[in-house]
């Protein structure tokens, strides 16, 4: 019988992108043939989707829009004049 505990402990990390490459490969190989762990992945997916819907909206500070627009304008000026350095 397969001991699923080591894999189940890694599933949340997998779903959140927190595994290193070796762990991700190991868990993905296991998931191909394990219906128990695949069901756990689906449960994590459902939970993450539900959390995304219930999280309260966050509003950035008003000053953020100005800084973003300034940065975009600077990038646009650089790309239009072809200099490859920041305008200003």
N, C-alpha and C. Protein backbone atom coordinates (compact mmCIF):
# COMPACT_ATOMS: atom_id res chain seq x y z
N UNK A 1 0.84 -1.18 0.00
CA UNK A 1 0.00 0.00 0.00
C UNK A 1 0.89 1.26 0.00
N UNK A 2 0.49 2.25 -0.76
CA UNK A 2 1.26 3.49 -0.88
C UNK A 2 1.00 4.38 0.32
N UNK A 3 2.08 4.95 0.85
CA UNK A 3 1.96 5.94 1.92
C UNK A 3 1.78 7.30 1.27
N UNK A 4 0.57 7.82 1.34
CA UNK A 4 0.25 9.09 0.68
C UNK A 4 0.68 10.32 1.48
N UNK A 5 0.94 10.15 2.78
CA UNK A 5 1.23 11.31 3.64
C UNK A 5 2.35 12.21 3.11
N UNK A 6 3.49 11.67 2.68
CA UNK A 6 4.54 12.58 2.19
C UNK A 6 4.08 13.41 0.99
N UNK A 7 3.26 12.81 0.15
CA UNK A 7 2.78 13.51 -1.04
C UNK A 7 1.71 14.54 -0.69
N UNK A 8 0.80 14.14 0.18
CA UNK A 8 -0.28 15.04 0.57
C UNK A 8 0.27 16.29 1.25
N UNK A 9 1.36 16.13 2.01
CA UNK A 9 1.99 17.29 2.65
C UNK A 9 2.54 18.28 1.62
N UNK A 10 2.90 17.77 0.44
CA UNK A 10 3.47 18.63 -0.61
C UNK A 10 2.42 19.26 -1.52
N UNK A 11 1.20 18.76 -1.47
CA UNK A 11 0.19 19.21 -2.43
C UNK A 11 -0.14 20.70 -2.31
N UNK A 12 -0.26 21.20 -1.11
CA UNK A 12 -0.57 22.63 -0.96
C UNK A 12 0.56 23.46 -1.55
N UNK A 13 1.80 23.07 -1.29
CA UNK A 13 2.94 23.77 -1.86
C UNK A 13 2.93 23.71 -3.37
N UNK A 14 2.52 22.57 -3.90
CA UNK A 14 2.44 22.43 -5.37
C UNK A 14 1.41 23.40 -5.93
N UNK A 15 0.25 23.45 -5.30
CA UNK A 15 -0.84 24.29 -5.81
C UNK A 15 -0.51 25.77 -5.69
N UNK A 16 0.33 26.12 -4.73
CA UNK A 16 0.69 27.52 -4.54
C UNK A 16 2.02 27.88 -5.21
N UNK A 17 2.60 26.90 -5.92
CA UNK A 17 3.86 27.16 -6.62
C UNK A 17 5.06 27.26 -5.70
N UNK A 18 4.99 26.60 -4.56
CA UNK A 18 6.05 26.73 -3.58
C UNK A 18 7.03 25.57 -3.52
N UNK A 19 6.98 24.66 -4.47
CA UNK A 19 7.90 23.53 -4.46
C UNK A 19 9.12 23.82 -5.31
N UNK A 20 10.25 23.21 -4.93
CA UNK A 20 11.40 23.32 -5.81
C UNK A 20 11.19 22.36 -6.98
N UNK A 21 12.04 22.43 -7.97
CA UNK A 21 11.84 21.64 -9.20
C UNK A 21 11.79 20.14 -8.92
N UNK A 22 12.68 19.64 -8.08
CA UNK A 22 12.71 18.20 -7.78
C UNK A 22 11.43 17.74 -7.10
N UNK A 23 10.94 18.53 -6.14
CA UNK A 23 9.69 18.17 -5.45
C UNK A 23 8.52 18.20 -6.42
N UNK A 24 8.47 19.21 -7.28
CA UNK A 24 7.37 19.32 -8.24
C UNK A 24 7.36 18.14 -9.19
N UNK A 25 8.53 17.74 -9.66
CA UNK A 25 8.62 16.58 -10.57
C UNK A 25 8.17 15.32 -9.85
N UNK A 26 8.63 15.14 -8.62
CA UNK A 26 8.26 13.96 -7.85
C UNK A 26 6.75 13.88 -7.64
N UNK A 27 6.14 14.99 -7.24
CA UNK A 27 4.70 14.96 -6.97
C UNK A 27 3.90 14.80 -8.26
N UNK A 28 4.35 15.43 -9.35
CA UNK A 28 3.64 15.28 -10.63
C UNK A 28 3.68 13.84 -11.12
N UNK A 29 4.82 13.19 -10.96
CA UNK A 29 4.91 11.76 -11.34
C UNK A 29 3.97 10.91 -10.52
N UNK A 30 3.90 11.22 -9.23
CA UNK A 30 3.01 10.47 -8.35
C UNK A 30 1.55 10.69 -8.73
N UNK A 31 1.19 11.91 -9.06
CA UNK A 31 -0.21 12.23 -9.36
C UNK A 31 -0.73 11.51 -10.59
N UNK A 32 0.16 11.19 -11.52
CA UNK A 32 -0.26 10.50 -12.75
C UNK A 32 -0.98 9.19 -12.43
N UNK A 33 -0.49 8.49 -11.41
CA UNK A 33 -1.07 7.18 -11.11
C UNK A 33 -1.79 7.08 -9.79
N UNK A 34 -2.05 8.19 -9.12
CA UNK A 34 -2.65 8.11 -7.79
C UNK A 34 -3.96 8.89 -7.74
N UNK A 35 -5.05 8.17 -7.75
CA UNK A 35 -6.37 8.80 -7.71
C UNK A 35 -6.62 9.50 -6.37
N UNK A 36 -6.07 8.95 -5.29
CA UNK A 36 -6.26 9.56 -3.96
C UNK A 36 -5.66 10.96 -3.91
N UNK A 37 -4.42 11.08 -4.35
CA UNK A 37 -3.75 12.39 -4.31
C UNK A 37 -4.31 13.33 -5.37
N UNK A 38 -4.72 12.78 -6.51
CA UNK A 38 -5.35 13.62 -7.55
C UNK A 38 -6.64 14.24 -7.02
N UNK A 39 -7.40 13.47 -6.22
CA UNK A 39 -8.62 13.99 -5.61
C UNK A 39 -8.29 15.11 -4.62
N UNK A 40 -7.18 14.96 -3.90
CA UNK A 40 -6.75 16.01 -2.98
C UNK A 40 -6.40 17.29 -3.74
N UNK A 41 -5.76 17.14 -4.90
CA UNK A 41 -5.42 18.31 -5.73
C UNK A 41 -6.69 19.03 -6.16
N UNK A 42 -7.70 18.28 -6.58
CA UNK A 42 -8.96 18.90 -6.97
C UNK A 42 -9.59 19.64 -5.79
N UNK A 43 -9.49 19.07 -4.60
CA UNK A 43 -10.03 19.73 -3.41
C UNK A 43 -9.27 21.02 -3.11
N UNK A 44 -7.94 20.99 -3.26
CA UNK A 44 -7.15 22.22 -3.08
C UNK A 44 -7.55 23.25 -4.11
N UNK A 45 -7.72 22.83 -5.36
CA UNK A 45 -8.12 23.77 -6.42
C UNK A 45 -9.45 24.42 -6.09
N UNK A 46 -10.40 23.62 -5.64
CA UNK A 46 -11.72 24.15 -5.27
C UNK A 46 -11.61 25.14 -4.11
N UNK A 47 -10.79 24.80 -3.12
CA UNK A 47 -10.61 25.68 -1.96
C UNK A 47 -9.96 26.99 -2.37
N UNK A 48 -8.92 26.91 -3.20
CA UNK A 48 -8.24 28.13 -3.65
C UNK A 48 -9.18 29.02 -4.46
N UNK A 49 -10.00 28.40 -5.29
CA UNK A 49 -10.97 29.18 -6.08
C UNK A 49 -11.97 29.87 -5.16
N UNK A 50 -12.44 29.16 -4.15
CA UNK A 50 -13.39 29.74 -3.20
C UNK A 50 -12.75 30.88 -2.42
N UNK A 51 -11.51 30.71 -2.01
CA UNK A 51 -10.82 31.78 -1.27
C UNK A 51 -10.66 33.03 -2.12
N UNK A 52 -10.41 32.84 -3.40
CA UNK A 52 -10.25 33.99 -4.28
C UNK A 52 -11.55 34.79 -4.37
N UNK A 53 -12.67 34.11 -4.26
CA UNK A 53 -13.96 34.78 -4.37
C UNK A 53 -14.40 35.46 -3.08
N UNK A 54 -13.91 34.98 -1.94
CA UNK A 54 -14.36 35.55 -0.67
C UNK A 54 -13.39 36.56 -0.08
N UNK A 55 -12.21 36.66 -0.66
CA UNK A 55 -11.24 37.63 -0.15
C UNK A 55 -11.77 39.05 -0.37
N UNK A 56 -11.67 39.88 0.64
CA UNK A 56 -12.17 41.25 0.47
C UNK A 56 -11.31 42.01 -0.55
N UNK A 57 -11.95 42.87 -1.33
CA UNK A 57 -11.17 43.63 -2.31
C UNK A 57 -10.21 44.58 -1.60
N UNK A 58 -9.05 44.72 -2.16
CA UNK A 58 -8.06 45.66 -1.63
C UNK A 58 -7.89 46.78 -2.64
N UNK A 59 -7.87 47.99 -2.15
CA UNK A 59 -7.72 49.14 -3.03
C UNK A 59 -6.34 49.75 -2.82
N UNK A 60 -5.58 49.90 -3.89
CA UNK A 60 -4.24 50.47 -3.74
C UNK A 60 -4.32 51.95 -3.39
N UNK A 61 -3.25 52.49 -2.82
CA UNK A 61 -3.26 53.92 -2.52
C UNK A 61 -3.39 54.74 -3.80
N UNK A 62 -4.00 55.89 -3.71
CA UNK A 62 -4.22 56.74 -4.88
C UNK A 62 -2.91 57.11 -5.56
N UNK A 63 -1.85 57.25 -4.81
CA UNK A 63 -0.57 57.65 -5.38
C UNK A 63 0.01 56.58 -6.31
N UNK A 64 -0.42 55.34 -6.15
CA UNK A 64 0.12 54.26 -6.96
C UNK A 64 -0.18 54.45 -8.44
N UNK A 65 -1.37 54.87 -8.77
CA UNK A 65 -1.73 55.08 -10.18
C UNK A 65 -0.79 56.09 -10.83
N UNK A 66 -0.49 57.17 -10.14
CA UNK A 66 0.40 58.18 -10.68
C UNK A 66 1.80 57.64 -10.94
N UNK A 67 2.33 56.86 -9.97
CA UNK A 67 3.67 56.31 -10.18
C UNK A 67 3.71 55.30 -11.32
N UNK A 68 2.66 54.51 -11.45
CA UNK A 68 2.61 53.53 -12.53
C UNK A 68 2.53 54.25 -13.88
N UNK A 69 1.69 55.26 -13.97
CA UNK A 69 1.54 55.99 -15.23
C UNK A 69 2.84 56.71 -15.60
N UNK A 70 3.54 57.25 -14.62
CA UNK A 70 4.83 57.90 -14.88
C UNK A 70 5.83 56.89 -15.42
N UNK A 71 5.87 55.71 -14.82
CA UNK A 71 6.79 54.66 -15.28
C UNK A 71 6.43 54.21 -16.70
N UNK A 72 5.15 54.08 -16.99
CA UNK A 72 4.71 53.67 -18.33
C UNK A 72 5.10 54.74 -19.36
N UNK A 73 4.88 55.99 -19.02
CA UNK A 73 5.25 57.07 -19.95
C UNK A 73 6.75 57.06 -20.21
N UNK A 74 7.54 56.83 -19.18
CA UNK A 74 9.00 56.79 -19.34
C UNK A 74 9.40 55.63 -20.25
N UNK A 75 8.78 54.48 -20.08
CA UNK A 75 9.10 53.32 -20.94
C UNK A 75 8.68 53.60 -22.37
N UNK A 76 7.54 54.26 -22.56
CA UNK A 76 7.06 54.58 -23.90
C UNK A 76 8.02 55.54 -24.59
N UNK A 77 8.49 56.54 -23.86
CA UNK A 77 9.44 57.49 -24.44
C UNK A 77 10.74 56.79 -24.85
N UNK A 78 11.21 55.89 -24.01
CA UNK A 78 12.44 55.16 -24.31
C UNK A 78 12.25 54.32 -25.56
N UNK A 79 11.13 53.61 -25.66
CA UNK A 79 10.94 52.74 -26.82
C UNK A 79 10.72 53.54 -28.10
N UNK A 80 10.11 54.73 -28.00
CA UNK A 80 9.87 55.53 -29.20
C UNK A 80 11.14 56.16 -29.74
N UNK A 81 12.03 56.62 -28.84
CA UNK A 81 13.24 57.27 -29.34
C UNK A 81 14.36 56.28 -29.59
N UNK A 82 14.18 55.02 -29.15
CA UNK A 82 15.14 53.97 -29.45
C UNK A 82 16.46 54.08 -28.72
N UNK A 83 16.54 54.97 -27.74
CA UNK A 83 17.82 55.15 -27.04
C UNK A 83 18.14 54.00 -26.11
N UNK A 84 17.13 53.34 -25.61
CA UNK A 84 17.39 52.21 -24.71
C UNK A 84 17.75 52.62 -23.29
N UNK A 85 17.58 53.87 -22.96
CA UNK A 85 17.79 54.32 -21.59
C UNK A 85 16.60 55.17 -21.18
N UNK A 86 16.46 55.38 -19.89
CA UNK A 86 15.29 56.13 -19.42
C UNK A 86 15.34 57.57 -19.91
N UNK A 87 14.17 58.05 -20.31
CA UNK A 87 14.06 59.44 -20.74
C UNK A 87 14.07 60.33 -19.51
N UNK A 88 14.52 61.54 -19.68
CA UNK A 88 14.42 62.45 -18.57
C UNK A 88 15.70 63.07 -18.32
